Amino acid sequence: MEWNDRQPIYRQLRELVVERVMDGTFPEGEAVPSVRQVAADYKINHLTVAKAYQELVDIGLLEKRRGLGMFVTQGARSALTQDEQARFLEEEVPAFAQRVRMLGLGMDAVVERLLQERGERE
């Protein structure tokens, strides 16, 4: 993993965990890698990992189990999907539409292409 300078490492790590929950790499009810393991694997400070994990606990994605570690909560993937869909529609779609207009593309051409990508049109 290569960290970028656009946002703090703990936020990038938090987003990585979110992606892994959404894609099923970290299944609900299962443990996530320990703070120490992540710190060693990515060569980052353990406090950075702990901060990322704590934020995920605060939003209900992870839960601490005393003596066992951190686990993905039941329903986490569904909640994330809903949150990500809302964020996509509120933030990414307007930015995408603005870019389409800036490039002078017609929305019909974009919709046609999206349908092709989905396999609905040849």
PDB file of N, CA and C in Angstrom:
ATOM      1  N   MET A   1       0.847  -1.180   0.000  1.00  0.00           N
ATOM      2  CA  MET A   1       0.000   0.000   0.000  1.00  0.00           C
ATOM      3  C   MET A   1       0.883   1.230   0.000  1.00  0.00           C
ATOM      4  N   GLU A   2       0.559   2.141  -0.890  1.00  0.00           N
ATOM      5  CA  GLU A   2       1.287   3.406  -0.923  1.00  0.00           C
ATOM      6  C   GLU A   2       0.364   4.502  -0.422  1.00  0.00           C
ATOM      7  N   TRP A   3       0.842   5.251   0.542  1.00  0.00           N
ATOM      8  CA  TRP A   3       0.044   6.315   1.135  1.00  0.00           C
ATOM      9  C   TRP A   3       0.245   7.589   0.335  1.00  0.00           C
ATOM     10  N   ASN A   4      -0.825   8.364   0.204  1.00  0.00           N
ATOM     11  CA  ASN A   4      -0.697   9.639  -0.501  1.00  0.00           C
ATOM     12  C   ASN A   4      -0.693  10.782   0.506  1.00  0.00           C
ATOM     13  N   ASP A   5      -0.333  11.956   0.042  1.00  0.00           N
ATOM     14  CA  ASP A   5      -0.223  13.125   0.912  1.00  0.00           C
ATOM     15  C   ASP A   5      -1.504  13.938   0.988  1.00  0.00           C
ATOM     16  N   ARG A   6      -2.551  13.496   0.276  1.00  0.00           N
ATOM     17  CA  ARG A   6      -3.785  14.280   0.226  1.00  0.00           C
ATOM     18  C   ARG A   6      -4.608  14.190   1.507  1.00  0.00           C
ATOM     19  N   GLN A   7      -4.448  13.102   2.244  1.00  0.00           N
ATOM     20  CA  GLN A   7      -5.174  12.969   3.511  1.00  0.00           C
ATOM     21  C   GLN A   7      -4.336  12.152   4.485  1.00  0.00           C
ATOM     22  N   PRO A   8      -4.652  12.267   5.776  1.00  0.00           N
ATOM     23  CA  PRO A   8      -3.863  11.536   6.783  1.00  0.00           C
ATOM     24  C   PRO A   8      -3.907  10.022   6.557  1.00  0.00           C
ATOM     25  N   ILE A   9      -2.853   9.358   6.969  1.00  0.00           N
ATOM     26  CA  ILE A   9      -2.747   7.906   6.776  1.00  0.00           C
ATOM     27  C   ILE A   9      -3.880   7.170   7.481  1.00  0.00           C
ATOM     28  N   TYR A  10      -4.265   7.637   8.683  1.00  0.00           N
ATOM     29  CA  TYR A  10      -5.333   6.924   9.391  1.00  0.00           C
ATOM     30  C   TYR A  10      -6.635   6.944   8.595  1.00  0.00           C
ATOM     31  N   ARG A  11      -6.898   8.032   7.880  1.00  0.00           N
ATOM     32  CA  ARG A  11      -8.115   8.095   7.051  1.00  0.00           C
ATOM     33  C   ARG A  11      -8.001   7.160   5.847  1.00  0.00           C
ATOM     34  N   GLN A  12      -6.829   7.101   5.252  1.00  0.00           N
ATOM     35  CA  GLN A  12      -6.619   6.189   4.132  1.00  0.00           C
ATOM     36  C   GLN A  12      -6.775   4.740   4.591  1.00  0.00           C
ATOM     37  N   LEU A  13      -6.255   4.436   5.775  1.00  0.00           N
ATOM     38  CA  LEU A  13      -6.394   3.093   6.327  1.00  0.00           C
ATOM     39  C   LEU A  13      -7.862   2.790   6.634  1.00  0.00           C
ATOM     40  N   ARG A  14      -8.554   3.762   7.188  1.00  0.00           N
ATOM     41  CA  ARG A  14      -9.986   3.596   7.470  1.00  0.00           C
ATOM     42  C   ARG A  14     -10.745   3.274   6.191  1.00  0.00           C
ATOM     43  N   GLU A  15     -10.442   3.991   5.122  1.00  0.00           N
ATOM     44  CA  GLU A  15     -11.107   3.742   3.836  1.00  0.00           C
ATOM     45  C   GLU A  15     -10.753   2.364   3.281  1.00  0.00           C
ATOM     46  N   LEU A  16      -9.524   1.923   3.506  1.00  0.00           N
ATOM     47  CA  LEU A  16      -9.111   0.593   3.066  1.00  0.00           C
ATOM     48  C   LEU A  16      -9.931  -0.483   3.786  1.00  0.00           C
ATOM     49  N   VAL A  17     -10.127  -0.318   5.079  1.00  0.00           N
ATOM     50  CA  VAL A  17     -10.934  -1.284   5.835  1.00  0.00           C
ATOM     51  C   VAL A  17     -12.376  -1.256   5.333  1.00  0.00           C
ATOM     52  N   VAL A  18     -12.911  -0.073   5.089  1.00  0.00           N
ATOM     53  CA  VAL A  18     -14.279   0.047   4.560  1.00  0.00           C
ATOM     54  C   VAL A  18     -14.396  -0.698   3.232  1.00  0.00           C
ATOM     55  N   GLU A  19     -13.436  -0.507   2.346  1.00  0.00           N
ATOM     56  CA  GLU A  19     -13.451  -1.208   1.057  1.00  0.00           C
ATOM     57  C   GLU A  19     -13.428  -2.715   1.251  1.00  0.00           C
ATOM     58  N   ARG A  20     -12.626  -3.171   2.184  1.00  0.00           N
ATOM     59  CA  ARG A  20     -12.508  -4.615   2.411  1.00  0.00           C
ATOM     60  C   ARG A  20     -13.769  -5.205   3.046  1.00  0.00           C
ATOM     61  N   VAL A  21     -14.465  -4.429   3.836  1.00  0.00           N
ATOM     62  CA  VAL A  21     -15.751  -4.896   4.364  1.00  0.00           C
ATOM     63  C   VAL A  21     -16.761  -4.965   3.216  1.00  0.00           C
ATOM     64  N   MET A  22     -16.758  -3.944   2.381  1.00  0.00           N
ATOM     65  CA  MET A  22     -17.724  -3.909   1.279  1.00  0.00           C
ATOM     66  C   MET A  22     -17.472  -5.010   0.258  1.00  0.00           C
ATOM     67  N   ASP A  23     -16.213  -5.338  -0.016  1.00  0.00           N
ATOM     68  CA  ASP A  23     -15.944  -6.375  -1.020  1.00  0.00           C
ATOM     69  C   ASP A  23     -15.929  -7.785  -0.428  1.00  0.00           C
ATOM     70  N   GLY A  24     -16.136  -7.882   0.893  1.00  0.00           N
ATOM     71  CA  GLY A  24     -16.231  -9.192   1.527  1.00  0.00           C
ATOM     72  C   GLY A  24     -14.920  -9.780   2.009  1.00  0.00           C
ATOM     73  N   THR A  25     -13.827  -9.072   1.804  1.00  0.00           N
ATOM     74  CA  THR A  25     -12.533  -9.548   2.294  1.00  0.00           C
ATOM     75  C   THR A  25     -12.547  -9.668   3.816  1.00  0.00           C
ATOM     76  N   PHE A  26     -13.213  -8.705   4.467  1.00  0.00           N
ATOM     77  CA  PHE A  26     -13.419  -8.753   5.916  1.00  0.00           C
ATOM     78  C   PHE A  26     -14.899  -9.026   6.152  1.00  0.00           C
ATOM     79  N   PRO A  27     -15.284 -10.290   6.316  1.00  0.00           N
ATOM     80  CA  PRO A  27     -16.703 -10.630   6.489  1.00  0.00           C
ATOM     81  C   PRO A  27     -17.258 -10.198   7.852  1.00  0.00           C
ATOM     82  N   GLU A  28     -18.558  -9.982   7.881  1.00  0.00           N
ATOM     83  CA  GLU A  28     -19.227  -9.636   9.132  1.00  0.00           C
ATOM     84  C   GLU A  28     -19.024 -10.749  10.147  1.00  0.00           C
ATOM     85  N   GLY A  29     -18.788 -10.341  11.381  1.00  0.00           N
ATOM     86  CA  GLY A  29     -18.598 -11.297  12.461  1.00  0.00           C
ATOM     87  C   GLY A  29     -17.185 -11.831  12.588  1.00  0.00           C
ATOM     88  N   GLU A  30     -16.342 -11.516  11.628  1.00  0.00           N
ATOM     89  CA  GLU A  30     -14.960 -12.007  11.642  1.00  0.00           C
ATOM     90  C   GLU A  30     -14.008 -10.923  12.145  1.00  0.00           C
ATOM     91  N   ALA A  31     -12.878 -11.370  12.656  1.00  0.00           N
ATOM     92  CA  ALA A  31     -11.855 -10.449  13.156  1.00  0.00           C
ATOM     93  C   ALA A  31     -11.142  -9.764  11.997  1.00  0.00           C
ATOM     94  N   VAL A  32     -10.750  -8.532  12.239  1.00  0.00           N
ATOM     95  CA  VAL A  32      -9.872  -7.824  11.304  1.00  0.00           C
ATOM     96  C   VAL A  32      -8.452  -7.985  11.846  1.00  0.00           C
ATOM     97  N   PRO A  33      -7.444  -7.762  11.022  1.00  0.00           N
ATOM     98  CA  PRO A  33      -6.062  -7.883  11.509  1.00  0.00           C
ATOM     99  C   PRO A  33      -5.821  -6.971  12.718  1.00  0.00           C
ATOM    100  N   SER A  34      -4.995  -7.436  13.621  1.00  0.00           N
ATOM    101  CA  SER A  34      -4.715  -6.668  14.842  1.00  0.00           C
ATOM    102  C   SER A  34      -4.003  -5.362  14.508  1.00  0.00           C
ATOM    103  N   VAL A  35      -4.086  -4.442  15.457  1.00  0.00           N
ATOM    104  CA  VAL A  35      -3.403  -3.155  15.311  1.00  0.00           C
ATOM    105  C   VAL A  35      -1.914  -3.378  15.085  1.00  0.00           C
ATOM    106  N   ARG A  36      -1.328  -4.251  15.862  1.00  0.00           N
ATOM    107  CA  ARG A  36       0.105  -4.505  15.729  1.00  0.00           C
ATOM    108  C   ARG A  36       0.453  -5.123  14.377  1.00  0.00           C
ATOM    109  N   GLN A  37      -0.396  -6.038  13.924  1.00  0.00           N
ATOM    110  CA  GLN A  37      -0.142  -6.688  12.638  1.00  0.00           C
ATOM    111  C   GLN A  37      -0.207  -5.686  11.492  1.00  0.00           C
ATOM    112  N   VAL A  38      -1.232  -4.837  11.510  1.00  0.00           N
ATOM    113  CA  VAL A  38      -1.374  -3.829  10.458  1.00  0.00           C
ATOM    114  C   VAL A  38      -0.208  -2.852  10.493  1.00  0.00           C
ATOM    115  N   ALA A  39       0.156  -2.425  11.693  1.00  0.00           N
ATOM    116  CA  ALA A  39       1.284  -1.494  11.830  1.00  0.00           C
ATOM    117  C   ALA A  39       2.560  -2.103  11.264  1.00  0.00           C
ATOM    118  N   ALA A  40       2.793  -3.369  11.558  1.00  0.00           N
ATOM    119  CA  ALA A  40       3.991  -4.038  11.049  1.00  0.00           C
ATOM    120  C   ALA A  40       3.912  -4.242   9.535  1.00  0.00           C
ATOM    121  N   ASP A  41       2.759  -4.686   9.045  1.00  0.00           N
ATOM    122  CA  ASP A  41       2.601  -4.948   7.614  1.00  0.00           C
ATOM    123  C   ASP A  41       2.794  -3.699   6.765  1.00  0.00           C
ATOM    124  N   TYR A  42       2.229  -2.587   7.222  1.00  0.00           N
ATOM    125  CA  TYR A  42       2.278  -1.353   6.437  1.00  0.00           C
ATOM    126  C   TYR A  42       3.378  -0.392   6.884  1.00  0.00           C
ATOM    127  N   LYS A  43       4.135  -0.816   7.916  1.00  0.00           N
ATOM    128  CA  LYS A  43       5.238   0.002   8.432  1.00  0.00           C
ATOM    129  C   LYS A  43       4.760   1.399   8.833  1.00  0.00           C
ATOM    130  N   ILE A  44       3.677   1.399   9.622  1.00  0.00           N
ATOM    131  CA  ILE A  44       3.144   2.651  10.140  1.00  0.00           C
ATOM    132  C   ILE A  44       3.027   2.531  11.659  1.00  0.00           C
ATOM    133  N   ASN A  45       2.864   3.654  12.304  1.00  0.00           N
ATOM    134  CA  ASN A  45       2.761   3.698  13.746  1.00  0.00           C
ATOM    135  C   ASN A  45       1.483   3.004  14.218  1.00  0.00           C
ATOM    136  N   HIS A  46       1.592   2.243  15.310  1.00  0.00           N
ATOM    137  CA  HIS A  46       0.426   1.535  15.827  1.00  0.00           C
ATOM    138  C   HIS A  46      -0.668   2.493  16.295  1.00  0.00           C
ATOM    139  N   LEU A  47      -0.296   3.706  16.709  1.00  0.00           N
ATOM    140  CA  LEU A  47      -1.298   4.687  17.113  1.00  0.00           C
ATOM    141  C   LEU A  47      -2.129   5.163  15.920  1.00  0.00           C
ATOM    142  N   THR A  48      -1.520   5.188  14.755  1.00  0.00           N
ATOM    143  CA  THR A  48      -2.236   5.540  13.529  1.00  0.00           C
ATOM    144  C   THR A  48      -3.299   4.493  13.230  1.00  0.00           C
ATOM    145  N   VAL A  49      -2.920   3.228  13.346  1.00  0.00           N
ATOM    146  CA  VAL A  49      -3.865   2.128  13.119  1.00  0.00           C
ATOM    147  C   VAL A  49      -4.973   2.181  14.160  1.00  0.00           C
ATOM    148  N   ALA A  50      -4.597   2.389  15.417  1.00  0.00           N
ATOM    149  CA  ALA A  50      -5.586   2.445  16.492  1.00  0.00           C
ATOM    150  C   ALA A  50      -6.592   3.569  16.262  1.00  0.00           C
ATOM    151  N   LYS A  51      -6.132   4.695  15.754  1.00  0.00           N
ATOM    152  CA  LYS A  51      -7.035   5.818  15.485  1.00  0.00           C
ATOM    153  C   LYS A  51      -8.022   5.466  14.372  1.00  0.00           C
ATOM    154  N   ALA A  52      -7.524   4.836  13.324  1.00  0.00           N
ATOM    155  CA  ALA A  52      -8.407   4.426  12.224  1.00  0.00           C
ATOM    156  C   ALA A  52      -9.446   3.427  12.727  1.00  0.00           C
ATOM    157  N   TYR A  53      -9.004   2.436  13.481  1.00  0.00           N
ATOM    158  CA  TYR A  53      -9.920   1.431  14.017  1.00  0.00           C
ATOM    159  C   TYR A  53     -10.934   2.068  14.965  1.00  0.00           C
ATOM    160  N   GLN A  54     -10.479   3.008  15.796  1.00  0.00           N
ATOM    161  CA  GLN A  54     -11.402   3.648  16.741  1.00  0.00           C
ATOM    162  C   GLN A  54     -12.500   4.413  16.004  1.00  0.00           C
ATOM    163  N   GLU A  55     -12.158   5.074  14.934  1.00  0.00           N
ATOM    164  CA  GLU A  55     -13.185   5.769  14.149  1.00  0.00           C
ATOM    165  C   GLU A  55     -14.203   4.780  13.588  1.00  0.00           C
ATOM    166  N   LEU A  56     -13.728   3.612  13.197  1.00  0.00           N
ATOM    167  CA  LEU A  56     -14.636   2.588  12.673  1.00  0.00           C
ATOM    168  C   LEU A  56     -15.502   1.997  13.784  1.00  0.00           C
ATOM    169  N   VAL A  57     -14.975   1.939  14.993  1.00  0.00           N
ATOM    170  CA  VAL A  57     -15.784   1.531  16.150  1.00  0.00           C
ATOM    171  C   VAL A  57     -16.850   2.601  16.416  1.00  0.00           C
ATOM    172  N   ASP A  58     -16.436   3.855  16.366  1.00  0.00           N
ATOM    173  CA  ASP A  58     -17.353   4.965  16.650  1.00  0.00           C
ATOM    174  C   ASP A  58     -18.545   5.007  15.700  1.00  0.00           C
ATOM    175  N   ILE A  59     -18.331   4.587  14.445  1.00  0.00           N
ATOM    176  CA  ILE A  59     -19.448   4.599  13.489  1.00  0.00           C
ATOM    177  C   ILE A  59     -20.174   3.254  13.435  1.00  0.00           C
ATOM    178  N   GLY A  60     -19.733   2.314  14.251  1.00  0.00           N
ATOM    179  CA  GLY A  60     -20.439   1.042  14.348  1.00  0.00           C
ATOM    180  C   GLY A  60     -20.047  -0.011  13.340  1.00  0.00           C
ATOM    181  N   LEU A  61     -18.941   0.191  12.648  1.00  0.00           N
ATOM    182  CA  LEU A  61     -18.484  -0.789  11.665  1.00  0.00           C
ATOM    183  C   LEU A  61     -17.701  -1.919  12.323  1.00  0.00           C
ATOM    184  N   LEU A  62     -16.893  -1.559  13.315  1.00  0.00           N
ATOM    185  CA  LEU A  62     -16.116  -2.540  14.069  1.00  0.00           C
ATOM    186  C   LEU A  62     -16.559  -2.523  15.520  1.00  0.00           C
ATOM    187  N   GLU A  63     -16.310  -3.640  16.202  1.00  0.00           N
ATOM    188  CA  GLU A  63     -16.551  -3.698  17.633  1.00  0.00           C
ATOM    189  C   GLU A  63     -15.353  -4.343  18.311  1.00  0.00           C
ATOM    190  N   LYS A  64     -15.061  -3.848  19.516  1.00  0.00           N
ATOM    191  CA  LYS A  64     -13.963  -4.396  20.306  1.00  0.00           C
ATOM    192  C   LYS A  64     -14.495  -5.553  21.123  1.00  0.00           C
ATOM    193  N   ARG A  65     -13.761  -6.644  21.118  1.00  0.00           N
ATOM    194  CA  ARG A  65     -14.071  -7.765  21.993  1.00  0.00           C
ATOM    195  C   ARG A  65     -12.864  -7.975  22.894  1.00  0.00           C
ATOM    196  N   ARG A  66     -13.078  -7.686  24.160  1.00  0.00           N
ATOM    197  CA  ARG A  66     -11.978  -7.715  25.136  1.00  0.00           C
ATOM    198  C   ARG A  66     -11.203  -9.028  25.045  1.00  0.00           C
ATOM    199  N   GLY A  67      -9.914  -8.904  24.848  1.00  0.00           N
ATOM    200  CA  GLY A  67      -9.036 -10.057  24.791  1.00  0.00           C
ATOM    201  C   GLY A  67      -9.031 -10.792  23.460  1.00  0.00           C
ATOM    202  N   LEU A  68      -9.915 -10.398  22.547  1.00  0.00           N
ATOM    203  CA  LEU A  68     -10.016 -11.085  21.257  1.00  0.00           C
ATOM    204  C   LEU A  68      -9.632 -10.207  20.075  1.00  0.00           C
ATOM    205  N   GLY A  69      -9.829  -8.897  20.192  1.00  0.00           N
ATOM    206  CA  GLY A  69      -9.494  -7.991  19.105  1.00  0.00           C
ATOM    207  C   GLY A  69     -10.699  -7.258  18.552  1.00  0.00           C
ATOM    208  N   MET A  70     -10.571  -6.827  17.322  1.00  0.00           N
ATOM    209  CA  MET A  70     -11.620  -6.068  16.632  1.00  0.00           C
ATOM    210  C   MET A  70     -12.331  -6.979  15.643  1.00  0.00           C
ATOM    211  N   PHE A  71     -13.644  -6.830  15.582  1.00  0.00           N
ATOM    212  CA  PHE A  71     -14.473  -7.641  14.702  1.00  0.00           C
ATOM    213  C   PHE A  71     -15.409  -6.752  13.901  1.00  0.00           C
ATOM    214  N   VAL A  72     -15.721  -7.194  12.687  1.00  0.00           N
ATOM    215  CA  VAL A  72     -16.686  -6.494  11.850  1.00  0.00           C
ATOM    216  C   VAL A  72     -18.075  -6.773  12.426  1.00  0.00           C
ATOM    217  N   THR A  73     -18.862  -5.726  12.613  1.00  0.00           N
ATOM    218  CA  THR A  73     -20.192  -5.880  13.192  1.00  0.00           C
ATOM    219  C   THR A  73     -21.160  -6.500  12.185  1.00  0.00           C
ATOM    220  N   GLN A  74     -22.186  -7.149  12.726  1.00  0.00           N
ATOM    221  CA  GLN A  74     -23.249  -7.677  11.876  1.00  0.00           C
ATOM    222  C   GLN A  74     -24.000  -6.482  11.272  1.00  0.00           C
ATOM    223  N   GLY A  75     -24.305  -6.556   9.992  1.00  0.00           N
ATOM    224  CA  GLY A  75     -25.010  -5.479   9.308  1.00  0.00           C
ATOM    225  C   GLY A  75     -24.110  -4.375   8.789  1.00  0.00           C
ATOM    226  N   ALA A  76     -22.800  -4.510   9.012  1.00  0.00           N
ATOM    227  CA  ALA A  76     -21.863  -3.456   8.599  1.00  0.00           C
ATOM    228  C   ALA A  76     -21.872  -3.249   7.094  1.00  0.00           C
ATOM    229  N   ARG A  77     -21.878  -4.335   6.346  1.00  0.00           N
ATOM    230  CA  ARG A  77     -21.811  -4.215   4.888  1.00  0.00           C
ATOM    231  C   ARG A  77     -23.049  -3.517   4.333  1.00  0.00           C
ATOM    232  N   SER A  78     -24.204  -3.875   4.842  1.00  0.00           N
ATOM    233  CA  SER A  78     -25.447  -3.250   4.397  1.00  0.00           C
ATOM    234  C   SER A  78     -25.450  -1.759   4.714  1.00  0.00           C
ATOM    235  N   ALA A  79     -25.046  -1.410   5.932  1.00  0.00           N
ATOM    236  CA  ALA A  79     -24.991  -0.003   6.327  1.00  0.00           C
ATOM    237  C   ALA A  79     -24.007   0.766   5.462  1.00  0.00           C
ATOM    238  N   LEU A  80     -22.858   0.162   5.202  1.00  0.00           N
ATOM    239  CA  LEU A  80     -21.861   0.820   4.353  1.00  0.00           C
ATOM    240  C   LEU A  80     -22.383   1.020   2.940  1.00  0.00           C
ATOM    241  N   THR A  81     -23.053   0.002   2.427  1.00  0.00           N
ATOM    242  CA  THR A  81     -23.589   0.097   1.069  1.00  0.00           C
ATOM    243  C   THR A  81     -24.557   1.264   0.977  1.00  0.00           C
ATOM    244  N   GLN A  82     -25.447   1.373   1.945  1.00  0.00           N
ATOM    245  CA  GLN A  82     -26.405   2.482   1.942  1.00  0.00           C
ATOM    246  C   GLN A  82     -25.690   3.823   2.037  1.00  0.00           C
ATOM    247  N   ASP A  83     -24.706   3.915   2.939  1.00  0.00           N
ATOM    248  CA  ASP A  83     -23.949   5.163   3.090  1.00  0.00           C
ATOM    249  C   ASP A  83     -23.181   5.511   1.824  1.00  0.00           C
ATOM    250  N   GLU A  84     -22.540   4.520   1.231  1.00  0.00           N
ATOM    251  CA  GLU A  84     -21.752   4.760   0.027  1.00  0.00           C
ATOM    252  C   GLU A  84     -22.648   5.132  -1.159  1.00  0.00           C
ATOM    253  N   GLN A  85     -23.816   4.504  -1.257  1.00  0.00           N
ATOM    254  CA  GLN A  85     -24.750   4.863  -2.320  1.00  0.00           C
ATOM    255  C   GLN A  85     -25.195   6.316  -2.166  1.00  0.00           C
ATOM    256  N   ALA A  86     -25.532   6.711  -0.942  1.00  0.00           N
ATOM    257  CA  ALA A  86     -25.956   8.089  -0.694  1.00  0.00           C
ATOM    258  C   ALA A  86     -24.828   9.067  -1.018  1.00  0.00           C
ATOM    259  N   ARG A  87     -23.615   8.739  -0.573  1.00  0.00           N
ATOM    260  CA  ARG A  87     -22.465   9.611  -0.855  1.00  0.00           C
ATOM    261  C   ARG A  87     -22.204   9.715  -2.349  1.00  0.00           C
ATOM    262  N   PHE A  88     -22.302   8.582  -3.047  1.00  0.00           N
ATOM    263  CA  PHE A  88     -22.101   8.560  -4.491  1.00  0.00           C
ATOM    264  C   PHE A  88     -23.107   9.480  -5.178  1.00  0.00           C
ATOM    265  N   LEU A  89     -24.363   9.347  -4.813  1.00  0.00           N
ATOM    266  CA  LEU A  89     -25.407  10.157  -5.450  1.00  0.00           C
ATOM    267  C   LEU A  89     -25.288  11.639  -5.104  1.00  0.00           C
ATOM    268  N   GLU A  90     -24.859  11.947  -3.882  1.00  0.00           N
ATOM    269  CA  GLU A  90     -24.772  13.338  -3.440  1.00  0.00           C
ATOM    270  C   GLU A  90     -23.491  14.035  -3.874  1.00  0.00           C
ATOM    271  N   GLU A  91     -22.387  13.287  -3.978  1.00  0.00           N
ATOM    272  CA  GLU A  91     -21.100  13.913  -4.258  1.00  0.00           C
ATOM    273  C   GLU A  91     -20.547  13.572  -5.640  1.00  0.00           C
ATOM    274  N   GLU A  92     -20.512  12.301  -5.965  1.00  0.00           N
ATOM    275  CA  GLU A  92     -19.843  11.883  -7.188  1.00  0.00           C
ATOM    276  C   GLU A  92     -20.670  12.115  -8.446  1.00  0.00           C
ATOM    277  N   VAL A  93     -21.965  11.873  -8.381  1.00  0.00           N
ATOM    278  CA  VAL A  93     -22.792  12.074  -9.574  1.00  0.00           C
ATOM    279  C   VAL A  93     -22.798  13.544 -10.007  1.00  0.00           C
ATOM    280  N   PRO A  94     -22.996  14.490  -9.076  1.00  0.00           N
ATOM    281  CA  PRO A  94     -22.927  15.895  -9.518  1.00  0.00           C
ATOM    282  C   PRO A  94     -21.565  16.276 -10.121  1.00  0.00           C
ATOM    283  N   ALA A  95     -20.485  15.778  -9.542  1.00  0.00           N
ATOM    284  CA  ALA A  95     -19.153  16.059 -10.093  1.00  0.00           C
ATOM    285  C   ALA A  95     -19.003  15.430 -11.473  1.00  0.00           C
ATOM    286  N   PHE A  96     -19.522  14.219 -11.616  1.00  0.00           N
ATOM    287  CA  PHE A  96     -19.484  13.532 -12.906  1.00  0.00           C
ATOM    288  C   PHE A  96     -20.293  14.305 -13.946  1.00  0.00           C
ATOM    289  N   ALA A  97     -21.488  14.737 -13.573  1.00  0.00           N
ATOM    290  CA  ALA A  97     -22.345  15.491 -14.501  1.00  0.00           C
ATOM    291  C   ALA A  97     -21.671  16.802 -14.911  1.00  0.00           C
ATOM    292  N   GLN A  98     -21.017  17.451 -13.973  1.00  0.00           N
ATOM    293  CA  GLN A  98     -20.298  18.687 -14.289  1.00  0.00           C
ATOM    294  C   GLN A  98     -19.177  18.406 -15.284  1.00  0.00           C
ATOM    295  N   ARG A  99     -18.467  17.329 -15.088  1.00  0.00           N
ATOM    296  CA  ARG A  99     -17.372  16.955 -16.009  1.00  0.00           C
ATOM    297  C   ARG A  99     -17.925  16.646 -17.396  1.00  0.00           C
ATOM    298  N   VAL A 100     -19.051  15.941 -17.458  1.00  0.00           N
ATOM    299  CA  VAL A 100     -19.689  15.635 -18.739  1.00  0.00           C
ATOM    300  C   VAL A 100     -20.019  16.925 -19.477  1.00  0.00           C
ATOM    301  N   ARG A 101     -20.625  17.879 -18.760  1.00  0.00           N
ATOM    302  CA  ARG A 101     -20.969  19.180 -19.380  1.00  0.00           C
ATOM    303  C   ARG A 101     -19.714  19.904 -19.842  1.00  0.00           C
ATOM    304  N   MET A 102     -18.669  19.888 -19.005  1.00  0.00           N
ATOM    305  CA  MET A 102     -17.420  20.580 -19.337  1.00  0.00           C
ATOM    306  C   MET A 102     -16.791  20.006 -20.607  1.00  0.00           C
ATOM    307  N   LEU A 103     -16.910  18.697 -20.780  1.00  0.00           N
ATOM    308  CA  LEU A 103     -16.348  18.046 -21.958  1.00  0.00           C
ATOM    309  C   LEU A 103     -17.242  18.185 -23.188  1.00  0.00           C
ATOM    310  N   GLY A 104     -18.436  18.716 -22.986  1.00  0.00           N
ATOM    311  CA  GLY A 104     -19.351  18.901 -24.103  1.00  0.00           C
ATOM    312  C   GLY A 104     -20.005  17.608 -24.562  1.00  0.00           C
ATOM    313  N   LEU A 105     -20.034  16.625 -23.693  1.00  0.00           N
ATOM    314  CA  LEU A 105     -20.690  15.365 -24.036  1.00  0.00           C
ATOM    315  C   LEU A 105     -22.183  15.476 -23.767  1.00  0.00           C
ATOM    316  N   GLY A 106     -22.961  14.765 -24.550  1.00  0.00           N
ATOM    317  CA  GLY A 106     -24.391  14.710 -24.291  1.00  0.00           C
ATOM    318  C   GLY A 106     -24.691  13.629 -23.271  1.00  0.00           C
ATOM    319  N   MET A 107     -25.636  13.900 -22.398  1.00  0.00           N
ATOM    320  CA  MET A 107     -26.019  12.907 -21.390  1.00  0.00           C
ATOM    321  C   MET A 107     -26.525  11.622 -22.044  1.00  0.00           C
ATOM    322  N   ASP A 108     -27.191  11.751 -23.202  1.00  0.00           N
ATOM    323  CA  ASP A 108     -27.686  10.551 -23.888  1.00  0.00           C
ATOM    324  C   ASP A 108     -26.528   9.625 -24.271  1.00  0.00           C
ATOM    325  N   ALA A 109     -25.440  10.215 -24.749  1.00  0.00           N
ATOM    326  CA  ALA A 109     -24.274   9.410 -25.123  1.00  0.00           C
ATOM    327  C   ALA A 109     -23.667   8.736 -23.894  1.00  0.00           C
ATOM    328  N   VAL A 110     -23.649   9.433 -22.777  1.00  0.00           N
ATOM    329  CA  VAL A 110     -23.104   8.878 -21.545  1.00  0.00           C
ATOM    330  C   VAL A 110     -23.993   7.741 -21.047  1.00  0.00           C
ATOM    331  N   VAL A 111     -25.305   7.951 -21.071  1.00  0.00           N
ATOM    332  CA  VAL A 111     -26.237   6.908 -20.632  1.00  0.00           C
ATOM    333  C   VAL A 111     -26.100   5.682 -21.525  1.00  0.00           C
ATOM    334  N   GLU A 112     -25.998   5.897 -22.816  1.00  0.00           N
ATOM    335  CA  GLU A 112     -25.826   4.779 -23.750  1.00  0.00           C
ATOM    336  C   GLU A 112     -24.574   3.981 -23.414  1.00  0.00           C
ATOM    337  N   ARG A 113     -23.499   4.689 -23.125  1.00  0.00           N
ATOM    338  CA  ARG A 113     -22.247   4.023 -22.785  1.00  0.00           C
ATOM    339  C   ARG A 113     -22.361   3.259 -21.473  1.00  0.00           C
ATOM    340  N   LEU A 114     -23.028   3.846 -20.499  1.00  0.00           N
ATOM    341  CA  LEU A 114     -23.233   3.159 -19.223  1.00  0.00           C
ATOM    342  C   LEU A 114     -24.054   1.886 -19.414  1.00  0.00           C
ATOM    343  N   LEU A 115     -25.051   1.948 -20.247  1.00  0.00           N
ATOM    344  CA  LEU A 115     -25.856   0.761 -20.530  1.00  0.00           C
ATOM    345  C   LEU A 115     -25.017  -0.308 -21.225  1.00  0.00           C
ATOM    346  N   GLN A 116     -24.128   0.111 -22.099  1.00  0.00           N
ATOM    347  CA  GLN A 116     -23.222  -0.844 -22.748  1.00  0.00           C
ATOM    348  C   GLN A 116     -22.326  -1.509 -21.708  1.00  0.00           C
ATOM    349  N   GLU A 117     -21.808  -0.713 -20.798  1.00  0.00           N
ATOM    350  CA  GLU A 117     -20.928  -1.256 -19.754  1.00  0.00           C
ATOM    351  C   GLU A 117     -21.659  -2.261 -18.894  1.00  0.00           C
ATOM    352  N   ARG A 118     -22.936  -2.034 -18.690  1.00  0.00           N
ATOM    353  CA  ARG A 118     -23.740  -2.931 -17.869  1.00  0.00           C
ATOM    354  C   ARG A 118     -24.188  -4.161 -18.663  1.00  0.00           C
ATOM    355  N   GLY A 119     -24.002  -4.111 -19.990  1.00  0.00           N
ATOM    356  CA  GLY A 119     -24.355  -5.254 -20.830  1.00  0.00           C
ATOM    357  C   GLY A 119     -25.765  -5.237 -21.337  1.00  0.00           C
ATOM    358  N   GLU A 120     -26.434  -4.081 -21.243  1.00  0.00           N
ATOM    359  CA  GLU A 120     -27.827  -4.003 -21.693  1.00  0.00           C
ATOM    360  C   GLU A 120     -27.951  -3.643 -23.160  1.00  0.00           C
ATOM    361  N   ARG A 121     -26.885  -3.127 -23.728  1.00  0.00           N
ATOM    362  CA  ARG A 121     -26.924  -2.742 -25.144  1.00  0.00           C
ATOM    363  C   ARG A 121     -25.654  -3.232 -25.810  1.00  0.00           C
ATOM    364  N   GLU A 122     -25.779  -3.495 -27.061  1.00  0.00           N
ATOM    365  CA  GLU A 122     -24.599  -3.961 -27.829  1.00  0.00           C
ATOM    366  C   GLU A 122     -23.976  -2.841 -28.600  1.00  0.00           C
TER     367      GLU A 122
END
